[in-house]
Amino acid sequence: MERYQLTTHKESTITNNPNDWTKEVGNPRYILDLMLSVISVSVQTVGIVEGLPELRFE
């Protein structure tokens, strides 16, 4: 989430606005869709891991 925050570099005063990228690609939902994809993969991964058989080490 930190990567998608509005930030300003202290020395150069250059502002990084991730919303500018959404305008460049013509998709205002880009960041939202990206985050929803990450959440979906995370939820699916938890389901897969919970379905794995238990390993026992001796």
PDB file of N, CA and C in Angstrom:
ATOM      1  N   MET A   1       0.821  -1.190   0.000  1.00  0.00           N
ATOM      2  CA  MET A   1       0.000   0.000   0.000  1.00  0.00           C
ATOM      3  C   MET A   1       0.871   1.262   0.000  1.00  0.00           C
ATOM      4  N   GLU A   2       2.045   1.167   0.599  1.00  0.00           N
ATOM      5  CA  GLU A   2       2.899   2.348   0.664  1.00  0.00           C
ATOM      6  C   GLU A   2       3.297   2.839  -0.727  1.00  0.00           C
ATOM      7  N   ARG A   3       3.375   1.939  -1.678  1.00  0.00           N
ATOM      8  CA  ARG A   3       3.783   2.329  -3.030  1.00  0.00           C
ATOM      9  C   ARG A   3       2.729   3.168  -3.731  1.00  0.00           C
ATOM     10  N   TYR A   4       1.506   3.111  -3.281  1.00  0.00           N
ATOM     11  CA  TYR A   4       0.421   3.806  -3.962  1.00  0.00           C
ATOM     12  C   TYR A   4      -0.044   5.032  -3.191  1.00  0.00           C
ATOM     13  N   GLN A   5       0.873   5.636  -2.449  1.00  0.00           N
ATOM     14  CA  GLN A   5       0.579   6.865  -1.723  1.00  0.00           C
ATOM     15  C   GLN A   5       1.200   8.044  -2.455  1.00  0.00           C
ATOM     16  N   LEU A   6       0.593   9.193  -2.300  1.00  0.00           N
ATOM     17  CA  LEU A   6       1.147  10.425  -2.842  1.00  0.00           C
ATOM     18  C   LEU A   6       2.350  10.809  -1.990  1.00  0.00           C
ATOM     19  N   THR A   7       3.523  10.925  -2.634  1.00  0.00           N
ATOM     20  CA  THR A   7       4.743  11.255  -1.900  1.00  0.00           C
ATOM     21  C   THR A   7       5.488  12.382  -2.604  1.00  0.00           C
ATOM     22  N   THR A   8       6.240  13.141  -1.826  1.00  0.00           N
ATOM     23  CA  THR A   8       7.081  14.198  -2.371  1.00  0.00           C
ATOM     24  C   THR A   8       8.493  14.008  -1.852  1.00  0.00           C
ATOM     25  N   HIS A   9       9.454  13.935  -2.778  1.00  0.00           N
ATOM     26  CA  HIS A   9      10.857  13.790  -2.412  1.00  0.00           C
ATOM     27  C   HIS A   9      11.318  15.098  -1.765  1.00  0.00           C
ATOM     28  N   LYS A  10      11.911  15.001  -0.586  1.00  0.00           N
ATOM     29  CA  LYS A  10      12.259  16.196   0.185  1.00  0.00           C
ATOM     30  C   LYS A  10      13.266  17.096  -0.513  1.00  0.00           C
ATOM     31  N   GLU A  11      14.303  16.500  -1.094  1.00  0.00           N
ATOM     32  CA  GLU A  11      15.362  17.309  -1.691  1.00  0.00           C
ATOM     33  C   GLU A  11      14.976  17.911  -3.044  1.00  0.00           C
ATOM     34  N   SER A  12      14.343  17.113  -3.881  1.00  0.00           N
ATOM     35  CA  SER A  12      14.030  17.595  -5.221  1.00  0.00           C
ATOM     36  C   SER A  12      12.624  18.187  -5.326  1.00  0.00           C
ATOM     37  N   THR A  13      11.795  17.943  -4.324  1.00  0.00           N
ATOM     38  CA  THR A  13      10.377  18.341  -4.283  1.00  0.00           C
ATOM     39  C   THR A  13       9.573  17.766  -5.454  1.00  0.00           C
ATOM     40  N   ILE A  14      10.055  16.654  -6.031  1.00  0.00           N
ATOM     41  CA  ILE A  14       9.300  15.970  -7.078  1.00  0.00           C
ATOM     42  C   ILE A  14       8.195  15.157  -6.410  1.00  0.00           C
ATOM     43  N   THR A  15       6.982  15.319  -6.918  1.00  0.00           N
ATOM     44  CA  THR A  15       5.835  14.616  -6.355  1.00  0.00           C
ATOM     45  C   THR A  15       5.537  13.371  -7.176  1.00  0.00           C
ATOM     46  N   ASN A  16       5.366  12.252  -6.494  1.00  0.00           N
ATOM     47  CA  ASN A  16       4.999  10.996  -7.119  1.00  0.00           C
ATOM     48  C   ASN A  16       3.531  10.739  -6.803  1.00  0.00           C
ATOM     49  N   ASN A  17       2.709  10.801  -7.836  1.00  0.00           N
ATOM     50  CA  ASN A  17       1.275  10.585  -7.667  1.00  0.00           C
ATOM     51  C   ASN A  17       0.870   9.374  -8.501  1.00  0.00           C
ATOM     52  N   PRO A  18       0.575   8.233  -7.866  1.00  0.00           N
ATOM     53  CA  PRO A  18       0.208   7.031  -8.616  1.00  0.00           C
ATOM     54  C   PRO A  18      -1.046   7.225  -9.457  1.00  0.00           C
ATOM     55  N   ASN A  19      -1.873   8.174  -9.108  1.00  0.00           N
ATOM     56  CA  ASN A  19      -3.081   8.416  -9.889  1.00  0.00           C
ATOM     57  C   ASN A  19      -2.752   8.953 -11.277  1.00  0.00           C
ATOM     58  N   ASP A  20      -1.574   9.545 -11.449  1.00  0.00           N
ATOM     59  CA  ASP A  20      -1.158  10.009 -12.766  1.00  0.00           C
ATOM     60  C   ASP A  20      -1.037   8.835 -13.734  1.00  0.00           C
ATOM     61  N   TRP A  21      -0.582   7.692 -13.240  1.00  0.00           N
ATOM     62  CA  TRP A  21      -0.438   6.510 -14.087  1.00  0.00           C
ATOM     63  C   TRP A  21      -1.801   6.064 -14.617  1.00  0.00           C
ATOM     64  N   THR A  22      -2.825   6.136 -13.788  1.00  0.00           N
ATOM     65  CA  THR A  22      -4.157   5.720 -14.227  1.00  0.00           C
ATOM     66  C   THR A  22      -4.645   6.591 -15.379  1.00  0.00           C
ATOM     67  N   LYS A  23      -4.256   7.844 -15.378  1.00  0.00           N
ATOM     68  CA  LYS A  23      -4.632   8.736 -16.483  1.00  0.00           C
ATOM     69  C   LYS A  23      -3.858   8.379 -17.749  1.00  0.00           C
ATOM     70  N   GLU A  24      -2.589   8.025 -17.600  1.00  0.00           N
ATOM     71  CA  GLU A  24      -1.754   7.679 -18.744  1.00  0.00           C
ATOM     72  C   GLU A  24      -2.258   6.434 -19.460  1.00  0.00           C
ATOM     73  N   VAL A  25      -2.679   5.427 -18.705  1.00  0.00           N
ATOM     74  CA  VAL A  25      -3.144   4.178 -19.315  1.00  0.00           C
ATOM     75  C   VAL A  25      -4.633   4.213 -19.635  1.00  0.00           C
ATOM     76  N   GLY A  26      -5.316   5.271 -19.224  1.00  0.00           N
ATOM     77  CA  GLY A  26      -6.733   5.416 -19.539  1.00  0.00           C
ATOM     78  C   GLY A  26      -7.637   4.496 -18.743  1.00  0.00           C
ATOM     79  N   ASN A  27      -7.183   4.081 -17.567  1.00  0.00           N
ATOM     80  CA  ASN A  27      -7.979   3.184 -16.727  1.00  0.00           C
ATOM     81  C   ASN A  27      -7.993   3.732 -15.308  1.00  0.00           C
ATOM     82  N   PRO A  28      -9.022   4.491 -14.940  1.00  0.00           N
ATOM     83  CA  PRO A  28      -9.051   5.080 -13.597  1.00  0.00           C
ATOM     84  C   PRO A  28      -9.152   4.050 -12.473  1.00  0.00           C
ATOM     85  N   ARG A  29      -9.531   2.819 -12.796  1.00  0.00           N
ATOM     86  CA  ARG A  29      -9.639   1.772 -11.771  1.00  0.00           C
ATOM     87  C   ARG A  29      -8.381   0.919 -11.664  1.00  0.00           C
ATOM     88  N   TYR A  30      -7.299   1.300 -12.328  1.00  0.00           N
ATOM     89  CA  TYR A  30      -6.096   0.470 -12.396  1.00  0.00           C
ATOM     90  C   TYR A  30      -5.608   0.044 -11.022  1.00  0.00           C
ATOM     91  N   ILE A  31      -5.407   0.991 -10.120  1.00  0.00           N
ATOM     92  CA  ILE A  31      -4.863   0.669  -8.793  1.00  0.00           C
ATOM     93  C   ILE A  31      -5.853  -0.171  -8.000  1.00  0.00           C
ATOM     94  N   LEU A  32      -7.126   0.167  -8.073  1.00  0.00           N
ATOM     95  CA  LEU A  32      -8.143  -0.625  -7.371  1.00  0.00           C
ATOM     96  C   LEU A  32      -8.171  -2.054  -7.899  1.00  0.00           C
ATOM     97  N   ASP A  33      -8.165  -2.217  -9.226  1.00  0.00           N
ATOM     98  CA  ASP A  33      -8.164  -3.561  -9.808  1.00  0.00           C
ATOM     99  C   ASP A  33      -6.920  -4.345  -9.411  1.00  0.00           C
ATOM    100  N   LEU A  34      -5.776  -3.667  -9.370  1.00  0.00           N
ATOM    101  CA  LEU A  34      -4.535  -4.307  -8.963  1.00  0.00           C
ATOM    102  C   LEU A  34      -4.636  -4.802  -7.515  1.00  0.00           C
ATOM    103  N   MET A  35      -5.127  -3.966  -6.625  1.00  0.00           N
ATOM    104  CA  MET A  35      -5.263  -4.359  -5.218  1.00  0.00           C
ATOM    105  C   MET A  35      -6.273  -5.497  -5.057  1.00  0.00           C
ATOM    106  N   LEU A  36      -7.364  -5.462  -5.810  1.00  0.00           N
ATOM    107  CA  LEU A  36      -8.344  -6.545  -5.740  1.00  0.00           C
ATOM    108  C   LEU A  36      -7.747  -7.860  -6.228  1.00  0.00           C
ATOM    109  N   SER A  37      -6.875  -7.804  -7.220  1.00  0.00           N
ATOM    110  CA  SER A  37      -6.197  -9.010  -7.701  1.00  0.00           C
ATOM    111  C   SER A  37      -5.282  -9.583  -6.623  1.00  0.00           C
ATOM    112  N   VAL A  38      -4.545  -8.729  -5.937  1.00  0.00           N
ATOM    113  CA  VAL A  38      -3.660  -9.173  -4.869  1.00  0.00           C
ATOM    114  C   VAL A  38      -4.471  -9.823  -3.748  1.00  0.00           C
ATOM    115  N   ILE A  39      -5.584  -9.220  -3.386  1.00  0.00           N
ATOM    116  CA  ILE A  39      -6.438  -9.781  -2.331  1.00  0.00           C
ATOM    117  C   ILE A  39      -6.986 -11.133  -2.763  1.00  0.00           C
ATOM    118  N   SER A  40      -7.431 -11.233  -4.004  1.00  0.00           N
ATOM    119  CA  SER A  40      -7.982 -12.493  -4.508  1.00  0.00           C
ATOM    120  C   SER A  40      -6.939 -13.608  -4.478  1.00  0.00           C
ATOM    121  N   VAL A  41      -5.742 -13.323  -4.933  1.00  0.00           N
ATOM    122  CA  VAL A  41      -4.673 -14.332  -4.915  1.00  0.00           C
ATOM    123  C   VAL A  41      -4.340 -14.727  -3.483  1.00  0.00           C
ATOM    124  N   SER A  42      -4.337 -13.775  -2.563  1.00  0.00           N
ATOM    125  CA  SER A  42      -4.048 -14.074  -1.157  1.00  0.00           C
ATOM    126  C   SER A  42      -5.096 -15.003  -0.559  1.00  0.00           C
ATOM    127  N   VAL A  43      -6.357 -14.725  -0.837  1.00  0.00           N
ATOM    128  CA  VAL A  43      -7.442 -15.559  -0.306  1.00  0.00           C
ATOM    129  C   VAL A  43      -7.358 -16.963  -0.901  1.00  0.00           C
ATOM    130  N   GLN A  44      -7.100 -17.069  -2.209  1.00  0.00           N
ATOM    131  CA  GLN A  44      -6.979 -18.379  -2.839  1.00  0.00           C
ATOM    132  C   GLN A  44      -5.783 -19.153  -2.288  1.00  0.00           C
ATOM    133  N   THR A  45      -4.694 -18.459  -2.011  1.00  0.00           N
ATOM    134  CA  THR A  45      -3.509 -19.106  -1.456  1.00  0.00           C
ATOM    135  C   THR A  45      -3.800 -19.682  -0.083  1.00  0.00           C
ATOM    136  N   VAL A  46      -4.509 -18.943   0.745  1.00  0.00           N
ATOM    137  CA  VAL A  46      -4.879 -19.450   2.077  1.00  0.00           C
ATOM    138  C   VAL A  46      -5.711 -20.718   1.931  1.00  0.00           C
ATOM    139  N   GLY A  47      -6.664 -20.728   1.006  1.00  0.00           N
ATOM    140  CA  GLY A  47      -7.489 -21.919   0.791  1.00  0.00           C
ATOM    141  C   GLY A  47      -6.674 -23.110   0.345  1.00  0.00           C
ATOM    142  N   ILE A  48      -5.724 -22.877  -0.539  1.00  0.00           N
ATOM    143  CA  ILE A  48      -4.864 -23.969  -1.015  1.00  0.00           C
ATOM    144  C   ILE A  48      -4.002 -24.509   0.121  1.00  0.00           C
ATOM    145  N   VAL A  49      -3.401 -23.624   0.887  1.00  0.00           N
ATOM    146  CA  VAL A  49      -2.527 -24.036   1.988  1.00  0.00           C
ATOM    147  C   VAL A  49      -3.320 -24.800   3.042  1.00  0.00           C
ATOM    148  N   GLU A  50      -4.517 -24.354   3.336  1.00  0.00           N
ATOM    149  CA  GLU A  50      -5.341 -25.066   4.327  1.00  0.00           C
ATOM    150  C   GLU A  50      -5.743 -26.447   3.831  1.00  0.00           C
ATOM    151  N   GLY A  51      -5.821 -26.630   2.520  1.00  0.00           N
ATOM    152  CA  GLY A  51      -6.200 -27.922   1.956  1.00  0.00           C
ATOM    153  C   GLY A  51      -5.050 -28.900   1.819  1.00  0.00           C
ATOM    154  N   LEU A  52      -3.841 -28.471   2.077  1.00  0.00           N
ATOM    155  CA  LEU A  52      -2.683 -29.362   1.973  1.00  0.00           C
ATOM    156  C   LEU A  52      -2.665 -30.346   3.139  1.00  0.00           C
ATOM    157  N   PRO A  53      -2.199 -31.546   2.890  1.00  0.00           N
ATOM    158  CA  PRO A  53      -2.114 -32.511   3.992  1.00  0.00           C
ATOM    159  C   PRO A  53      -1.034 -32.085   4.988  1.00  0.00           C
ATOM    160  N   GLU A  54      -1.241 -32.482   6.224  1.00  0.00           N
ATOM    161  CA  GLU A  54      -0.287 -32.150   7.276  1.00  0.00           C
ATOM    162  C   GLU A  54       0.994 -32.955   7.102  1.00  0.00           C
ATOM    163  N   LEU A  55       2.112 -32.304   7.246  1.00  0.00           N
ATOM    164  CA  LEU A  55       3.397 -32.997   7.160  1.00  0.00           C
ATOM    165  C   LEU A  55       3.911 -33.274   8.570  1.00  0.00           C
ATOM    166  N   ARG A  56       4.401 -34.465   8.757  1.00  0.00           N
ATOM    167  CA  ARG A  56       4.966 -34.819  10.057  1.00  0.00           C
ATOM    168  C   ARG A  56       6.419 -35.179   9.854  1.00  0.00           C
ATOM    169  N   PHE A  57       7.261 -34.569  10.630  1.00  0.00           N
ATOM    170  CA  PHE A  57       8.700 -34.835  10.562  1.00  0.00           C
ATOM    171  C   PHE A  57       9.118 -35.635  11.779  1.00  0.00           C
ATOM    172  N   GLU A  58       9.892 -36.634  11.552  1.00  0.00           N
ATOM    173  CA  GLU A  58      10.344 -37.468  12.656  1.00  0.00           C
ATOM    174  C   GLU A  58      11.817 -37.310  12.867  1.00  0.00           C
TER     175      GLU A  58
END
